[in-house]
Amino acid sequence: MHDSVKEYYGKELESSTDLKTNACCTAVAPPLEIKNALKNVHPEVSDKYYGCGLTIPSEVEGLRILDLGSGSGRDCYIAAQLVGEAGEIVGVDMTQEQLDVANKHLEYHKEKFGYSKSNVEFVNGNIEKLDELGFAPESFDLIISNCVINLASNKDKVLSDAFKLLKPGGEMYFSDVYSDRRIPQELQKDQVLWGECLSGALYWNDFLNAARKAGFSDPRVAEDEPITIENEELEEKVGNIKFFSVTYRLFKIDGLEQYCEDYGQAVRYKGTLSTEKENLFLDDHHEFPKGKIMSVCGNTFRMLNDTRYNKHFDFFGDWSTHYGIYEGCGTDIPFASKSESNESVGGGCC
């Protein structure tokens, strides 16, 4: 499928208006800092954006970030502003036409951002072969990706390599397309469905198993939206399969458990993040109001204590007593948008 993907994104699609479905479209409104950064991105770069979500979390100043499937470079150039001149962005893509657009505007963005030198680099490579691109193990603070991993044939390899490249306490924060069941082989051979990010979508439970196998013990959903396709011909092909655009957070932290275990711990957000002064959002089950002491499971405690968020919290409790599993930490499909209800679903805690 690699040649098919290159052909689809390099030659068939001239801009996002050529997409045949809404699978590769971002429905969620970006936060203010990303919206402002987007204004500085060259129009040609934005026109060739084919992402399905928001892929840059908070608290990224000074980080070294790897973008898997960076395309025309839109997310890289947004991230370049958020990390500041001291940070570094590396984008990897295998489609030369997309890389040509990204590299064409390096100087434009350096001047637009007021930097003395560019903090962005683009590498021609396959995200299924990250171990062949010369990156040192544990050399990135954050790995992002926007609606690209579904296009990979060996998704397990992508996740495994990403885990190895992250520093301890680092994070993989990415948006992609998921399905409520495994995609039949005949649909996986459909080049349009594959190019539109549908027939390569991972069944959500297979993804969770693959992420845990790679080392990401507790995947967290940050955002999720149903995909409606809005193309009668393709809707007929996929039948009753339901698709979701989902942003996941995967932390590389020693000691994370598969489920949300209760050790009687709590945290208090200091309100010190400039972009989230009143409430810090971690995932779809965890939002921390400034100054409020909140009970958390052991995994959430580690995600805040053992990562770049540590300085923004006060921590209470230890690991001396275990009180069992948090109620509701189950195995249902973890996307709130699976139904018309906005009620919480299994997979979270607290």
Protein backbone atom coordinates (compact mmCIF):
# COMPACT_ATOMS: atom_id res chain seq x y z
CA MET A 1 0.00 0.00 0.00
CA HIS A 2 2.99 2.35 0.35
CA ASP A 3 3.07 3.25 -3.36
CA SER A 4 -0.70 3.72 -3.35
CA VAL A 5 -0.47 6.15 -0.42
CA LYS A 6 2.32 8.12 -2.11
CA GLU A 7 0.26 8.34 -5.30
CA TYR A 8 -2.89 9.39 -3.46
CA TYR A 9 -1.32 12.11 -1.31
CA GLY A 10 1.37 13.14 -3.76
CA LYS A 11 -0.53 13.32 -7.05
CA GLU A 12 -4.27 12.68 -6.76
CA LEU A 13 -4.95 15.16 -3.94
CA GLU A 14 -4.09 18.76 -4.77
CA SER A 15 -5.65 20.18 -1.60
CA SER A 16 -7.96 19.19 1.25
CA THR A 17 -10.97 20.04 -0.94
CA ASP A 18 -10.16 16.97 -3.08
CA LEU A 19 -10.87 14.57 -0.21
CA LYS A 20 -13.86 12.31 -0.84
CA THR A 21 -14.97 11.94 2.81
CA ASN A 22 -14.77 13.89 6.06
CA ALA A 23 -12.46 11.31 7.68
CA CYS A 24 -9.38 13.50 7.17
CA CYS A 25 -11.01 16.69 8.41
CA THR A 26 -10.60 18.29 11.83
CA ALA A 27 -13.99 18.95 13.43
CA VAL A 28 -12.78 20.08 16.86
CA ALA A 29 -12.08 23.80 17.25
CA PRO A 30 -8.41 24.40 18.14
CA PRO A 31 -7.43 26.15 21.39
CA LEU A 32 -6.46 29.80 21.14
CA GLU A 33 -2.69 29.27 21.11
CA ILE A 34 -2.93 26.83 18.18
CA LYS A 35 -5.42 29.05 16.37
CA ASN A 36 -3.00 31.98 16.67
CA ALA A 37 -0.04 29.87 15.55
CA LEU A 38 -2.00 28.63 12.54
CA LYS A 39 -2.29 32.22 11.28
CA ASN A 40 1.47 32.24 10.72
CA VAL A 41 1.53 29.07 8.59
CA HIS A 42 1.99 29.58 4.86
CA PRO A 43 -1.29 29.12 2.89
CA GLU A 44 0.19 26.47 0.59
CA VAL A 45 1.18 24.39 3.62
CA SER A 46 -2.32 24.69 5.13
CA ASP A 47 -4.04 23.86 1.84
CA LYS A 48 -2.34 20.47 1.74
CA TYR A 49 -3.28 19.55 5.32
CA TYR A 50 -5.14 16.23 5.62
CA GLY A 51 -5.35 15.70 9.38
CA CYS A 52 -8.27 14.44 11.46
CA GLY A 53 -7.65 15.97 14.89
CA LEU A 54 -5.55 18.13 17.18
CA THR A 55 -2.09 16.73 17.78
CA ILE A 56 -0.25 19.19 20.01
CA PRO A 57 -0.84 19.01 23.77
CA SER A 58 -0.11 21.68 26.36
CA GLU A 59 3.23 22.44 28.04
CA VAL A 60 5.58 21.90 25.08
CA GLU A 61 8.01 24.82 25.38
CA GLY A 62 11.60 23.70 24.77
CA LEU A 63 10.65 20.15 23.78
CA ARG A 64 12.10 18.03 20.98
CA ILE A 65 9.13 16.77 18.96
CA LEU A 66 8.86 14.12 16.23
CA ASP A 67 5.92 14.30 13.81
CA LEU A 68 5.10 10.97 12.14
CA GLY A 69 3.71 11.53 8.65
CA SER A 70 4.29 15.27 8.70
CA GLY A 71 2.96 15.84 5.17
CA SER A 72 3.19 19.46 4.05
CA GLY A 73 4.44 20.44 7.51
CA ARG A 74 1.41 22.25 8.94
CA ASP A 75 1.55 20.69 12.40
CA CYS A 76 5.35 20.99 12.46
CA TYR A 77 5.18 24.72 11.82
CA ILE A 78 2.50 25.16 14.49
CA ALA A 79 4.57 23.17 16.98
CA ALA A 80 7.70 25.14 16.04
CA GLN A 81 6.07 28.26 17.46
CA LEU A 82 4.82 26.56 20.63
CA VAL A 83 8.18 25.01 21.56
CA GLY A 84 9.99 28.30 20.98
CA GLU A 85 13.34 28.82 19.30
CA ALA A 86 15.05 26.56 21.85
CA GLY A 87 12.79 23.64 20.92
CA GLU A 88 13.19 21.35 17.92
CA ILE A 89 10.74 19.78 15.48
CA VAL A 90 11.51 16.82 13.19
CA GLY A 91 8.95 15.75 10.61
CA VAL A 92 9.06 12.37 8.84
CA ASP A 93 7.14 11.67 5.63
CA MET A 94 7.56 9.34 2.64
CA THR A 95 5.72 11.42 0.02
CA GLN A 96 8.21 13.59 -1.85
CA GLU A 97 5.60 16.02 -3.17
CA GLN A 98 4.50 16.80 0.40
CA LEU A 99 8.10 17.15 1.59
CA ASP A 100 8.82 19.55 -1.27
CA VAL A 101 6.05 21.85 -0.04
CA ALA A 102 7.24 21.61 3.57
CA ASN A 103 10.89 22.33 2.74
CA LYS A 104 10.00 25.11 0.31
CA HIS A 105 8.73 27.26 3.18
CA LEU A 106 11.41 26.70 5.84
CA GLU A 107 12.89 30.17 5.37
CA TYR A 108 9.45 31.81 5.24
CA HIS A 109 8.50 30.39 8.63
CA LYS A 110 11.85 31.13 10.23
CA GLU A 111 11.40 34.80 9.37
CA LYS A 112 7.70 34.77 10.26
CA PHE A 113 8.50 33.42 13.73
CA GLY A 114 11.38 35.85 14.23
CA TYR A 115 13.92 33.06 14.78
CA SER A 116 17.64 33.40 14.04
CA LYS A 117 17.60 29.88 12.56
CA SER A 118 14.93 27.35 11.70
CA ASN A 119 14.01 24.86 14.43
CA VAL A 120 12.28 22.52 11.94
CA GLU A 121 13.75 19.66 9.91
CA PHE A 122 12.01 17.31 7.47
CA VAL A 123 13.20 13.76 6.82
CA ASN A 124 12.21 11.53 3.91
CA GLY A 125 11.35 8.22 5.52
CA ASN A 126 8.80 5.52 6.24
CA ILE A 127 7.21 5.69 9.70
CA GLU A 128 7.24 1.87 9.73
CA LYS A 129 11.06 2.03 9.60
CA LEU A 130 11.88 4.67 12.20
CA ASP A 131 14.71 2.46 13.44
CA GLU A 132 16.45 2.99 10.07
CA LEU A 133 16.39 6.82 10.13
CA GLY A 134 19.31 7.36 12.49
CA PHE A 135 17.38 8.69 15.49
CA ALA A 136 18.97 7.94 18.85
CA PRO A 137 16.88 5.92 21.33
CA GLU A 138 15.07 8.03 23.94
CA SER A 139 15.84 11.26 22.06
CA PHE A 140 12.36 12.82 21.79
CA ASP A 141 10.17 14.38 24.48
CA LEU A 142 6.98 14.15 22.44
CA ILE A 143 5.83 12.27 19.34
CA ILE A 144 2.81 13.53 17.41
CA SER A 145 0.94 12.24 14.37
CA ASN A 146 -2.19 13.37 12.58
CA CYS A 147 -4.33 10.80 10.76
CA VAL A 148 -1.35 8.87 9.36
CA ILE A 149 -0.78 5.67 11.36
CA ASN A 150 -3.95 4.18 9.84
CA LEU A 151 -2.13 4.37 6.48
CA ALA A 152 0.69 2.16 7.77
CA SER A 153 0.58 -1.56 7.07
CA ASN A 154 2.59 -2.50 10.17
CA LYS A 155 1.02 -0.37 12.89
CA ASP A 156 2.54 -2.47 15.68
CA LYS A 157 6.01 -1.56 14.40
CA VAL A 158 5.17 2.15 14.36
CA LEU A 159 4.05 2.05 17.99
CA SER A 160 6.99 -0.08 19.09
CA ASP A 161 9.56 2.19 17.43
CA ALA A 162 7.85 5.29 18.81
CA PHE A 163 8.07 3.91 22.34
CA LYS A 164 11.81 3.33 21.94
CA LEU A 165 12.39 6.88 20.66
CA LEU A 166 10.61 8.56 23.58
CA LYS A 167 12.49 9.70 26.65
CA PRO A 168 11.26 8.32 30.00
CA GLY A 169 8.24 10.41 30.94
CA GLY A 170 7.72 11.30 27.29
CA GLU A 171 4.44 11.14 25.45
CA MET A 172 2.94 10.06 22.14
CA TYR A 173 -0.02 12.35 21.42
CA PHE A 174 -1.78 11.63 18.15
CA SER A 175 -5.06 11.66 16.26
CA ASP A 176 -6.20 8.86 14.00
CA VAL A 177 -9.17 6.90 12.69
CA TYR A 178 -10.58 3.88 14.55
CA SER A 179 -13.42 1.47 13.88
CA ASP A 180 -15.90 -0.41 16.04
CA ARG A 181 -14.93 -3.73 14.41
CA ARG A 182 -12.15 -5.24 12.29
CA ILE A 183 -12.15 -4.11 8.66
CA PRO A 184 -12.75 -6.97 6.13
CA GLN A 185 -9.81 -7.82 3.88
CA GLU A 186 -11.67 -6.90 0.69
CA LEU A 187 -12.20 -3.36 1.99
CA GLN A 188 -8.56 -3.08 3.02
CA LYS A 189 -7.64 -3.60 -0.64
CA ASP A 190 -9.77 -0.65 -1.76
CA GLN A 191 -7.24 2.10 -2.53
CA VAL A 192 -9.72 4.97 -2.19
CA LEU A 193 -11.00 3.75 1.19
CA TRP A 194 -7.40 3.27 2.32
CA GLY A 195 -6.32 6.69 1.05
CA GLU A 196 -9.32 8.27 2.79
CA CYS A 197 -8.08 6.80 6.11
CA LEU A 198 -11.02 4.39 6.48
CA SER A 199 -10.10 0.85 5.48
CA GLY A 200 -6.76 1.09 7.30
CA ALA A 201 -8.47 2.12 10.53
CA LEU A 202 -7.64 0.01 13.54
CA TYR A 203 -10.38 -1.76 15.45
CA TRP A 204 -10.24 0.09 18.78
CA ASN A 205 -9.56 -2.98 20.92
CA ASP A 206 -6.78 -4.19 18.61
CA PHE A 207 -5.20 -0.75 18.96
CA LEU A 208 -5.31 -0.89 22.77
CA ASN A 209 -3.66 -4.32 22.72
CA ALA A 210 -0.98 -3.12 20.27
CA ALA A 211 -0.27 0.00 22.33
CA ARG A 212 0.11 -2.02 25.52
CA LYS A 213 2.32 -4.55 23.75
CA ALA A 214 4.57 -1.68 22.62
CA GLY A 215 4.91 -0.50 26.23
CA PHE A 216 2.13 2.10 26.53
CA SER A 217 0.26 0.48 29.41
CA ASP A 218 -2.64 2.93 29.83
CA PRO A 219 -3.80 4.68 26.61
CA ARG A 220 -5.98 7.71 27.34
CA VAL A 221 -8.58 9.31 25.06
CA ALA A 222 -8.23 13.09 24.80
CA GLU A 223 -10.82 13.81 22.09
CA ASP A 224 -13.19 11.68 20.01
CA GLU A 225 -15.69 12.43 17.28
CA PRO A 226 -17.80 10.14 15.06
CA ILE A 227 -16.96 10.13 11.36
CA THR A 228 -20.01 10.36 9.11
CA ILE A 229 -18.16 9.88 5.75
CA GLU A 230 -20.78 11.87 3.77
CA ASN A 231 -20.16 10.01 0.52
CA GLU A 232 -23.01 7.68 -0.48
CA GLU A 233 -20.87 5.38 -2.62
CA LEU A 234 -18.27 4.85 0.10
CA GLU A 235 -20.91 4.62 2.84
CA GLU A 236 -22.49 1.73 0.94
CA LYS A 237 -19.12 -0.01 0.72
CA VAL A 238 -18.39 0.14 4.46
CA GLY A 239 -21.93 -0.83 5.47
CA ASN A 240 -22.54 -0.83 9.23
CA ILE A 241 -18.93 -0.22 10.26
CA LYS A 242 -18.69 2.84 12.50
CA PHE A 243 -15.61 5.07 12.41
CA PHE A 244 -14.23 7.53 14.95
CA SER A 245 -11.64 10.28 14.85
CA VAL A 246 -9.79 9.96 18.16
CA THR A 247 -6.87 11.71 19.81
CA TYR A 248 -4.94 9.42 22.16
CA ARG A 249 -2.33 10.15 24.82
CA LEU A 250 0.27 7.43 25.39
CA PHE A 251 2.81 8.05 28.15
CA LYS A 252 6.12 6.23 28.50
CA ILE A 253 6.21 5.76 32.26
CA ASP A 254 7.54 2.86 34.32
CA GLY A 255 5.00 1.30 36.65
CA LEU A 256 1.78 2.10 34.78
CA GLU A 257 -0.82 -0.61 35.29
CA GLN A 258 -3.41 -1.87 32.81
CA TYR A 259 -6.32 -0.65 34.90
CA CYS A 260 -7.01 2.27 37.22
CA GLU A 261 -5.95 1.12 40.68
CA ASP A 262 -6.79 3.09 43.84
CA TYR A 263 -3.95 3.88 46.27
CA GLY A 264 -5.74 6.72 48.07
CA GLN A 265 -3.71 9.37 46.24
CA ALA A 266 -4.69 12.91 45.30
CA VAL A 267 -3.35 15.90 43.38
CA ARG A 268 -3.93 19.66 43.32
CA TYR A 269 -3.41 21.78 40.21
CA LYS A 270 -1.54 25.02 40.91
CA GLY A 271 -2.97 26.92 37.95
CA THR A 272 0.51 27.69 36.66
CA LEU A 273 0.10 26.72 33.00
CA SER A 274 -0.34 29.92 31.00
CA THR A 275 -2.67 28.23 28.50
CA GLU A 276 -4.81 26.47 31.15
CA LYS A 277 -4.88 28.78 34.15
CA GLU A 278 -8.24 27.71 35.59
CA ASN A 279 -8.47 24.05 34.54
CA LEU A 280 -5.88 21.58 33.28
CA PHE A 281 -7.27 18.97 30.90
CA LEU A 282 -5.53 15.58 30.89
CA ASP A 283 -8.04 13.34 29.11
CA ASP A 284 -11.76 12.79 28.67
CA HIS A 285 -12.09 11.60 32.28
CA HIS A 286 -9.70 14.00 34.02
CA GLU A 287 -9.91 17.77 34.24
CA PHE A 288 -8.28 19.49 37.20
CA PRO A 289 -9.65 22.82 38.49
CA LYS A 290 -7.09 25.19 39.97
CA GLY A 291 -6.66 24.73 43.72
CA LYS A 292 -8.99 21.73 44.13
CA ILE A 293 -7.63 18.54 45.70
CA MET A 294 -8.83 15.63 43.57
CA SER A 295 -8.55 11.88 44.10
CA VAL A 296 -6.78 10.04 41.30
CA CYS A 297 -5.79 6.49 40.44
CA GLY A 298 -2.17 5.39 40.54
CA ASN A 299 -1.72 5.75 36.78
CA THR A 300 -3.03 9.31 36.70
CA PHE A 301 -0.80 10.15 39.66
CA ARG A 302 2.22 8.93 37.67
CA MET A 303 1.13 10.73 34.47
CA LEU A 304 1.25 14.00 36.36
CA ASN A 305 4.15 13.30 38.72
CA ASP A 306 6.57 11.57 36.33
CA THR A 307 6.16 13.88 33.32
CA ARG A 308 6.58 17.51 32.28
CA TYR A 309 3.41 18.34 34.26
CA ASN A 310 5.09 17.66 37.62
CA LYS A 311 5.88 21.28 38.46
CA HIS A 312 2.25 22.31 38.01
CA PHE A 313 0.83 20.02 40.73
CA ASP A 314 1.00 19.29 44.44
CA PHE A 315 0.93 15.57 45.22
CA PHE A 316 -0.59 13.77 48.20
CA GLY A 317 -0.22 10.13 49.23
CA ASP A 318 2.07 7.22 48.45
CA TRP A 319 1.89 3.59 47.31
CA SER A 320 1.71 1.91 50.72
CA THR A 321 -1.98 0.91 50.65
CA HIS A 322 -4.02 -0.49 47.76
CA TYR A 323 -7.81 -0.08 47.90
CA GLY A 324 -8.71 -2.02 44.75
CA ILE A 325 -9.76 -0.98 41.25
CA TYR A 326 -11.72 2.18 40.53
CA GLU A 327 -15.35 1.47 39.70
CA GLY A 328 -16.08 1.91 36.00
CA CYS A 329 -12.58 1.04 34.84
CA GLY A 330 -13.87 -1.51 32.36
CA THR A 331 -13.42 -2.77 28.84
CA ASP A 332 -16.19 -1.08 26.83
CA ILE A 333 -15.42 0.90 23.69
CA PRO A 334 -13.74 4.00 25.17
CA PHE A 335 -15.23 6.66 22.89
CA ALA A 336 -17.95 8.84 24.40
CA SER A 337 -19.34 9.53 20.93
CA LYS A 338 -20.22 5.86 20.39
CA SER A 339 -23.76 6.78 21.39
CA GLU A 340 -25.97 9.84 21.43
CA SER A 341 -25.40 10.12 25.17
CA ASN A 342 -22.57 12.17 26.63
CA GLU A 343 -22.37 10.01 29.74
CA SER A 344 -18.97 8.72 30.79
CA VAL A 345 -18.00 5.28 29.53
CA GLY A 346 -15.69 2.59 30.85
CA GLY A 347 -11.95 2.94 30.73
CA GLY A 348 -11.44 5.88 33.05
CA CYS A 349 -11.24 6.48 36.76
CA CYS A 350 -11.87 9.10 39.43
